N, C-alpha and C. Protein backbone atom coordinates (compact mmCIF):
# COMPACT_ATOMS: atom_id res chain seq x y z
N MET A 1 151.25 -87.06 33.50
CA MET A 1 149.98 -87.48 33.90
C MET A 1 148.61 -88.14 33.25
N ASN A 2 148.42 -89.15 33.59
CA ASN A 2 146.79 -89.64 33.04
C ASN A 2 145.75 -89.31 33.59
N VAL A 3 144.84 -89.09 32.44
CA VAL A 3 143.57 -88.66 33.73
C VAL A 3 142.36 -89.74 33.01
N PRO A 4 142.25 -89.94 33.90
CA PRO A 4 140.64 -91.57 34.09
C PRO A 4 139.81 -90.69 33.15
N PRO A 5 139.03 -91.27 32.02
CA PRO A 5 138.07 -90.57 31.44
C PRO A 5 136.32 -90.13 32.62
N LYS A 6 136.21 -89.69 32.16
CA LYS A 6 134.89 -89.50 33.27
C LYS A 6 133.62 -90.86 32.94
N SER A 7 133.53 -90.79 33.79
CA SER A 7 132.39 -92.62 33.55
C SER A 7 131.34 -92.11 33.39
N GLN A 8 130.19 -92.55 33.48
CA GLN A 8 129.56 -93.13 32.32
C GLN A 8 128.32 -92.97 33.92
N PRO A 9 127.45 -92.55 34.26
CA PRO A 9 125.95 -92.77 34.78
C PRO A 9 125.22 -94.41 34.78
N THR A 10 125.04 -94.64 35.46
CA THR A 10 124.70 -96.00 34.98
C THR A 10 122.97 -95.33 34.91
N HIS A 11 122.75 -94.29 35.45
CA HIS A 11 121.20 -93.64 36.18
C HIS A 11 121.20 -92.05 36.20
N ILE A 12 119.81 -92.28 35.45
CA ILE A 12 119.86 -90.46 35.68
C ILE A 12 118.73 -90.36 37.01
N LEU A 13 118.69 -90.17 38.09
CA LEU A 13 117.70 -89.51 39.08
C LEU A 13 117.32 -88.56 39.15
N ALA A 14 115.70 -88.02 38.37
CA ALA A 14 114.88 -87.32 38.88
C ALA A 14 113.42 -86.93 39.55
N ALA A 15 113.34 -86.05 40.36
CA ALA A 15 112.27 -86.32 41.06
C ALA A 15 111.64 -84.81 40.89
N GLY A 16 109.91 -84.67 40.87
CA GLY A 16 109.06 -84.06 40.26
C GLY A 16 107.55 -83.48 40.62
N GLY A 17 107.26 -82.89 40.59
CA GLY A 17 105.57 -82.87 41.12
C GLY A 17 104.43 -82.86 40.56
N ILE A 18 103.62 -82.92 40.70
CA ILE A 18 102.32 -82.63 40.10
C ILE A 18 101.53 -82.22 41.25
N VAL A 19 101.41 -80.48 40.17
CA VAL A 19 101.01 -79.98 41.54
C VAL A 19 99.73 -79.31 41.40
N ARG A 20 98.25 -79.07 42.52
CA ARG A 20 97.61 -79.33 42.05
C ARG A 20 96.95 -77.71 42.46
N ARG A 21 96.15 -76.68 41.87
CA ARG A 21 95.33 -75.79 43.30
C ARG A 21 93.55 -76.36 42.17
N SER A 22 93.02 -74.83 42.98
CA SER A 22 91.27 -75.19 42.55
C SER A 22 91.59 -73.75 41.31
N GLY A 23 90.48 -73.76 40.72
CA GLY A 23 90.51 -73.47 39.53
C GLY A 23 89.51 -72.82 39.08
N PRO A 24 88.89 -71.59 38.57
CA PRO A 24 87.60 -71.47 38.13
C PRO A 24 86.91 -72.43 37.59
N GLY A 25 87.55 -73.45 36.95
CA GLY A 25 87.14 -74.25 36.34
C GLY A 25 86.88 -75.45 37.22
N GLY A 26 87.72 -75.97 38.32
CA GLY A 26 87.52 -76.79 39.29
C GLY A 26 89.40 -77.14 39.30
N VAL A 27 90.39 -78.35 39.33
CA VAL A 27 91.41 -78.49 39.60
C VAL A 27 92.16 -78.30 38.72
N GLU A 28 93.39 -77.71 39.11
CA GLU A 28 94.44 -77.41 37.87
C GLU A 28 95.72 -78.23 38.50
N ILE A 29 96.62 -78.26 37.38
CA ILE A 29 97.84 -78.54 37.78
C ILE A 29 98.64 -77.46 36.97
N ALA A 30 99.45 -77.60 37.64
CA ALA A 30 101.23 -77.39 36.75
C ALA A 30 101.53 -77.69 35.85
N ILE A 31 101.54 -76.58 34.41
CA ILE A 31 102.63 -77.69 33.36
C ILE A 31 103.48 -76.52 32.89
N VAL A 32 104.90 -76.77 32.86
CA VAL A 32 106.33 -75.81 32.50
C VAL A 32 105.88 -76.25 30.57
N GLN A 33 105.66 -74.42 30.25
CA GLN A 33 107.28 -75.10 29.35
C GLN A 33 108.65 -74.00 29.33
N ARG A 34 108.93 -75.21 28.35
CA ARG A 34 110.49 -75.19 28.54
C ARG A 34 110.85 -75.03 27.47
N ARG A 35 112.26 -74.05 27.65
CA ARG A 35 113.00 -72.79 26.91
C ARG A 35 113.13 -73.11 25.51
N ARG A 36 114.32 -74.19 25.27
CA ARG A 36 115.09 -75.07 25.56
C ARG A 36 114.77 -76.54 23.68
N HIS A 37 113.17 -77.27 24.30
CA HIS A 37 112.41 -77.68 23.96
C HIS A 37 111.30 -77.49 23.19
N GLY A 38 110.66 -75.92 23.84
CA GLY A 38 109.80 -75.88 23.40
C GLY A 38 108.69 -76.98 23.92
N ASP A 39 108.49 -77.77 25.08
CA ASP A 39 107.59 -78.70 25.31
C ASP A 39 107.04 -78.95 25.96
N LEU A 40 105.71 -79.37 26.28
CA LEU A 40 104.54 -79.00 28.21
C LEU A 40 105.03 -80.41 28.76
N SER A 41 105.54 -79.70 29.87
CA SER A 41 106.43 -81.38 30.80
C SER A 41 105.57 -80.80 32.03
N LEU A 42 105.16 -82.61 32.85
CA LEU A 42 105.57 -81.65 34.92
C LEU A 42 107.06 -81.00 34.88
N PRO A 43 106.23 -80.29 36.03
CA PRO A 43 107.92 -79.69 36.77
C PRO A 43 109.09 -80.48 36.46
N LYS A 44 110.15 -80.73 37.06
CA LYS A 44 111.37 -81.86 37.48
C LYS A 44 112.46 -81.83 37.16
N GLY A 45 113.51 -82.66 37.41
CA GLY A 45 114.58 -81.88 37.84
C GLY A 45 115.34 -83.17 38.63
N LYS A 46 116.94 -82.38 38.14
CA LYS A 46 117.76 -84.38 38.77
C LYS A 46 117.55 -84.14 40.27
N VAL A 47 118.21 -85.00 40.96
CA VAL A 47 118.05 -84.71 41.91
C VAL A 47 119.44 -84.73 42.45
N ASP A 48 119.91 -83.55 43.00
CA ASP A 48 121.07 -83.77 43.75
C ASP A 48 121.63 -84.36 44.73
N ARG A 49 123.65 -84.91 45.12
CA ARG A 49 124.20 -85.53 45.32
C ARG A 49 123.68 -85.23 47.23
N GLY A 50 123.35 -86.17 47.93
CA GLY A 50 122.72 -86.51 49.42
C GLY A 50 121.56 -85.77 49.35
N GLU A 51 120.45 -85.49 48.07
CA GLU A 51 119.36 -84.97 48.70
C GLU A 51 118.40 -85.90 48.43
N GLY A 52 117.59 -85.97 48.85
CA GLY A 52 116.54 -86.89 49.12
C GLY A 52 115.17 -86.62 47.82
N LEU A 53 114.83 -87.59 47.59
CA LEU A 53 113.46 -87.14 46.80
C LEU A 53 112.21 -86.68 46.60
N GLN A 54 111.86 -86.28 48.00
CA GLN A 54 110.69 -85.68 48.59
C GLN A 54 111.29 -84.06 48.94
N ALA A 55 112.68 -84.27 48.98
CA ALA A 55 113.49 -82.62 48.52
C ALA A 55 114.06 -82.18 47.52
N ALA A 56 114.20 -83.23 46.59
CA ALA A 56 114.23 -82.94 45.60
C ALA A 56 112.96 -81.89 44.73
N ALA A 57 112.20 -82.40 44.91
CA ALA A 57 110.88 -83.22 43.81
C ALA A 57 110.27 -81.64 44.52
N VAL A 58 110.09 -80.86 45.83
CA VAL A 58 109.60 -79.91 46.34
C VAL A 58 110.93 -78.75 45.85
N ARG A 59 111.86 -78.97 45.59
CA ARG A 59 113.46 -77.86 45.68
C ARG A 59 112.87 -77.58 43.99
N GLU A 60 113.25 -78.55 42.96
CA GLU A 60 112.61 -79.00 41.79
C GLU A 60 111.49 -77.89 41.45
N VAL A 61 109.79 -78.09 41.95
CA VAL A 61 109.46 -77.59 41.89
C VAL A 61 108.88 -75.71 41.99
N ARG A 62 109.88 -75.98 43.34
CA ARG A 62 109.85 -74.39 42.95
C ARG A 62 110.75 -73.43 42.56
N GLU A 63 111.53 -74.09 41.73
CA GLU A 63 112.21 -73.61 41.05
C GLU A 63 111.59 -73.32 39.51
N GLU A 64 111.10 -74.41 39.17
CA GLU A 64 110.37 -74.86 37.68
C GLU A 64 109.26 -73.72 37.32
N THR A 65 108.23 -73.90 38.79
CA THR A 65 107.44 -73.08 38.83
C THR A 65 107.15 -71.82 39.51
N GLY A 66 107.23 -71.56 40.56
CA GLY A 66 108.06 -70.87 41.64
C GLY A 66 106.49 -70.75 43.12
N CYS A 67 106.41 -72.06 43.07
CA CYS A 67 105.04 -72.63 43.87
C CYS A 67 105.91 -73.68 44.91
N LEU A 68 105.20 -72.65 45.34
CA LEU A 68 105.96 -73.21 47.35
C LEU A 68 104.41 -74.66 47.52
N ALA A 69 105.04 -75.97 47.31
CA ALA A 69 103.96 -76.94 47.33
C ALA A 69 103.97 -78.35 48.42
N ALA A 70 103.57 -79.03 48.69
CA ALA A 70 102.83 -80.13 49.36
C ALA A 70 102.92 -81.33 49.31
N ILE A 71 104.02 -82.17 49.33
CA ILE A 71 103.52 -83.61 49.02
C ILE A 71 102.30 -83.82 50.21
N VAL A 72 101.48 -84.39 48.47
CA VAL A 72 99.97 -84.86 49.73
C VAL A 72 99.65 -87.24 49.70
N GLY A 73 100.70 -86.83 48.75
CA GLY A 73 100.64 -88.59 48.51
C GLY A 73 101.43 -89.53 48.22
N PRO A 74 101.34 -90.90 48.36
CA PRO A 74 102.41 -91.41 47.78
C PRO A 74 102.84 -91.31 46.28
N PRO A 75 104.12 -91.24 45.69
CA PRO A 75 104.69 -90.65 44.42
C PRO A 75 104.52 -91.88 43.56
N ASP A 76 104.20 -91.89 41.83
CA ASP A 76 104.76 -92.28 41.18
C ASP A 76 105.77 -92.09 39.98
N PHE A 77 105.83 -93.07 38.54
CA PHE A 77 107.46 -92.52 37.84
C PHE A 77 106.59 -92.99 37.05
N ALA A 78 108.29 -92.17 36.09
CA ALA A 78 107.95 -92.78 34.60
C ALA A 78 109.61 -92.70 34.41
N GLU A 79 109.79 -93.51 33.50
CA GLU A 79 110.89 -94.42 33.03
C GLU A 79 111.71 -94.28 31.67
N TYR A 80 112.08 -93.79 30.99
CA TYR A 80 112.67 -93.14 29.62
C TYR A 80 114.52 -93.41 29.80
N GLU A 81 114.52 -92.92 28.15
CA GLU A 81 116.12 -92.74 28.30
C GLU A 81 116.84 -91.86 27.64
N VAL A 82 117.98 -91.24 28.59
CA VAL A 82 118.38 -90.11 28.01
C VAL A 82 120.13 -89.89 27.16
N GLY A 83 120.11 -90.16 25.87
CA GLY A 83 121.75 -90.73 25.99
C GLY A 83 122.00 -91.81 25.64
N GLY A 84 120.73 -92.91 26.05
CA GLY A 84 121.58 -94.35 25.85
C GLY A 84 121.19 -94.66 26.98
N ILE A 85 120.40 -93.37 28.18
CA ILE A 85 121.79 -93.50 30.03
C ILE A 85 119.49 -94.01 30.65
N PRO A 86 119.16 -95.09 31.10
CA PRO A 86 117.86 -95.20 31.80
C PRO A 86 117.61 -93.73 32.85
N LYS A 87 116.73 -93.32 32.86
CA LYS A 87 116.26 -92.26 33.24
C LYS A 87 115.02 -92.60 33.85
N VAL A 88 114.75 -92.61 35.83
CA VAL A 88 112.91 -92.48 36.29
C VAL A 88 113.53 -91.07 36.96
N VAL A 89 112.24 -91.04 36.45
CA VAL A 89 111.26 -89.66 37.87
C VAL A 89 110.49 -90.01 38.39
N VAL A 90 110.42 -89.26 39.53
CA VAL A 90 109.59 -90.15 40.22
C VAL A 90 108.84 -88.46 40.15
N PHE A 91 107.10 -88.88 40.50
CA PHE A 91 106.35 -87.89 40.90
C PHE A 91 105.88 -87.81 42.17
N PHE A 92 105.30 -86.44 42.84
CA PHE A 92 105.08 -86.50 44.28
C PHE A 92 103.54 -85.41 43.55
N PRO A 93 102.77 -86.74 44.02
CA PRO A 93 101.23 -85.22 43.91
C PRO A 93 101.53 -84.50 45.41
N MET A 94 100.60 -82.94 44.21
CA MET A 94 101.10 -82.22 45.53
C MET A 94 100.00 -81.03 45.23
N ASP A 95 99.98 -80.51 46.36
CA ASP A 95 99.13 -79.02 46.66
C ASP A 95 99.64 -77.43 46.59
N LEU A 96 99.05 -77.39 46.54
CA LEU A 96 99.77 -75.87 46.52
C LEU A 96 99.21 -74.50 46.91
N LEU A 97 100.78 -74.65 47.73
CA LEU A 97 100.46 -73.75 49.26
C LEU A 97 101.02 -72.21 48.55
N ALA A 98 101.88 -71.95 47.81
CA ALA A 98 102.25 -70.16 47.29
C ALA A 98 102.45 -70.01 46.50
N VAL A 99 102.70 -68.95 45.55
CA VAL A 99 103.24 -68.98 44.42
C VAL A 99 103.82 -67.57 44.36
N GLY A 100 105.04 -68.13 44.11
CA GLY A 100 106.26 -66.87 43.90
C GLY A 100 106.52 -67.14 42.01
N ALA A 101 108.00 -66.12 42.06
CA ALA A 101 108.16 -65.85 40.76
C ALA A 101 109.43 -67.47 40.78
N ILE A 102 109.19 -67.82 38.81
CA ILE A 102 109.88 -68.60 38.79
C ILE A 102 111.26 -68.68 39.45
N GLU A 103 112.08 -68.87 39.10
CA GLU A 103 113.79 -69.16 40.06
C GLU A 103 114.24 -69.59 38.45
N ASP A 104 114.11 -70.69 37.79
CA ASP A 104 114.64 -71.41 36.30
C ASP A 104 114.12 -70.67 35.12
N ALA A 105 113.91 -68.97 35.54
CA ALA A 105 113.63 -68.81 33.88
C ALA A 105 114.61 -68.37 32.56
N ASP A 106 115.91 -69.10 32.67
CA ASP A 106 116.57 -69.25 31.43
C ASP A 106 116.53 -70.95 31.37
N GLU A 107 115.39 -71.99 31.67
CA GLU A 107 115.32 -73.50 31.45
C GLU A 107 113.41 -72.38 31.07
N VAL A 108 112.44 -72.25 32.10
CA VAL A 108 111.24 -72.67 31.93
C VAL A 108 110.72 -70.80 31.57
N ALA A 109 110.41 -71.46 30.62
CA ALA A 109 110.00 -70.00 29.86
C ALA A 109 108.67 -69.55 31.14
N ASP A 110 107.44 -70.38 30.41
CA ASP A 110 106.34 -69.87 31.02
C ASP A 110 105.63 -71.12 31.97
N VAL A 111 104.52 -71.48 32.86
CA VAL A 111 103.66 -72.33 34.23
C VAL A 111 102.21 -72.32 33.28
N VAL A 112 102.24 -73.15 33.13
CA VAL A 112 100.58 -73.19 32.19
C VAL A 112 99.71 -73.87 33.51
N TRP A 113 98.91 -72.88 33.65
CA TRP A 113 97.56 -73.68 34.69
C TRP A 113 96.54 -75.05 33.86
N MET A 114 96.21 -76.03 34.29
CA MET A 114 95.70 -76.43 33.14
C MET A 114 94.45 -78.38 33.91
N THR A 115 93.71 -78.21 33.44
CA THR A 115 92.79 -78.91 34.04
C THR A 115 93.02 -80.51 34.21
N PRO A 116 93.28 -81.42 34.04
CA PRO A 116 94.35 -82.24 34.45
C PRO A 116 93.21 -83.47 32.68
N ASP A 117 92.42 -83.24 32.63
CA ASP A 117 91.94 -83.43 31.41
C ASP A 117 93.44 -82.63 30.00
N ALA A 118 93.33 -81.53 29.74
CA ALA A 118 93.78 -81.42 29.06
C ALA A 118 94.95 -81.13 29.23
N ALA A 119 95.26 -81.21 30.27
CA ALA A 119 96.58 -81.81 30.41
C ALA A 119 97.06 -82.85 29.94
N LEU A 120 96.18 -83.94 29.80
CA LEU A 120 96.40 -85.52 29.18
C LEU A 120 96.64 -84.88 27.37
N THR A 121 95.99 -83.80 27.12
CA THR A 121 95.94 -84.29 25.39
C THR A 121 97.39 -83.33 25.31
N ARG A 122 97.91 -82.34 26.50
CA ARG A 122 98.80 -81.87 25.87
C ARG A 122 100.27 -82.02 26.87
N LEU A 123 100.42 -82.41 27.47
CA LEU A 123 102.34 -82.97 27.63
C LEU A 123 102.67 -83.34 26.70
N SER A 124 104.39 -83.64 26.55
CA SER A 124 104.69 -83.60 25.47
C SER A 124 104.78 -85.54 25.38
N TYR A 125 105.58 -85.47 26.67
CA TYR A 125 105.62 -86.86 26.66
C TYR A 125 105.11 -88.04 27.59
N ALA A 126 105.23 -89.19 26.91
CA ALA A 126 103.39 -90.79 26.83
C ALA A 126 103.71 -91.27 28.48
N GLY A 127 104.86 -90.73 28.85
CA GLY A 127 105.13 -91.28 30.20
C GLY A 127 104.58 -90.68 31.21
N GLU A 128 104.61 -89.24 31.10
CA GLU A 128 104.17 -88.29 32.58
C GLU A 128 102.63 -88.33 32.15
N ARG A 129 102.32 -88.66 30.70
CA ARG A 129 100.57 -88.54 30.56
C ARG A 129 100.39 -90.42 30.97
N GLN A 130 101.02 -91.23 31.24
CA GLN A 130 100.76 -92.19 31.74
C GLN A 130 100.45 -92.05 34.05
N VAL A 131 101.84 -91.23 34.16
CA VAL A 131 102.06 -90.63 35.43
C VAL A 131 100.50 -89.87 35.94
N LEU A 132 100.12 -89.16 35.05
CA LEU A 132 99.13 -87.97 35.50
C LEU A 132 97.73 -88.67 34.95
N ARG A 133 97.95 -90.15 34.80
CA ARG A 133 96.29 -90.39 34.07
C ARG A 133 96.08 -91.55 35.74
N ARG A 134 97.34 -92.13 36.23
CA ARG A 134 97.22 -92.80 36.89
C ARG A 134 97.37 -91.74 38.21
N MET A 135 97.17 -91.13 38.05
CA MET A 135 96.59 -90.33 39.60
C MET A 135 96.30 -89.22 39.35
N SER A 136 95.26 -89.62 38.51
CA SER A 136 94.28 -88.44 38.24
C SER A 136 92.98 -88.60 39.27
N PRO A 137 92.31 -89.70 39.53
CA PRO A 137 91.38 -89.90 40.20
C PRO A 137 91.93 -89.27 41.33
N PRO A 138 92.88 -89.54 42.49
CA PRO A 138 93.42 -88.51 43.79
C PRO A 138 92.85 -87.21 43.10
N ILE A 139 93.79 -86.39 42.23
CA ILE A 139 94.47 -85.08 42.14
C ILE A 139 92.69 -84.93 41.44
N GLY A 140 91.74 -85.37 40.80
CA GLY A 140 90.16 -84.94 40.26
C GLY A 140 89.09 -84.67 41.68
N GLY A 141 89.84 -85.36 42.59
CA GLY A 141 88.37 -85.95 44.01
C GLY A 141 88.85 -84.67 44.93
């Protein structure tokens, strides 16, 4: 019996959030430090089959940060390639509602809260810095 090879996806779709809260120095956003890559990034992950972008973004933020957050504005996106396959990540601005435990502790080592300005210097990926820059006026306002 011949089994057809797994087909390569034409693209990867992911969603995440820029979660903000009020901190002692003003607005802070949630940044995740991932175990495997040792990087600092915005919380995000792949959209499940049949799942909407907003639902995926809220779910991924909850899994990676432990935060329950509400979408508060229109999305922005970053594009890059993973293993030669185009990936689009849609990021929604979010306000923090509640903090719980990180559900995806195998992937996420820590959640760090920092000002948008600090995040712009510490985020590991240029595409995420660009999204944060474009959202900064509403987040800082």
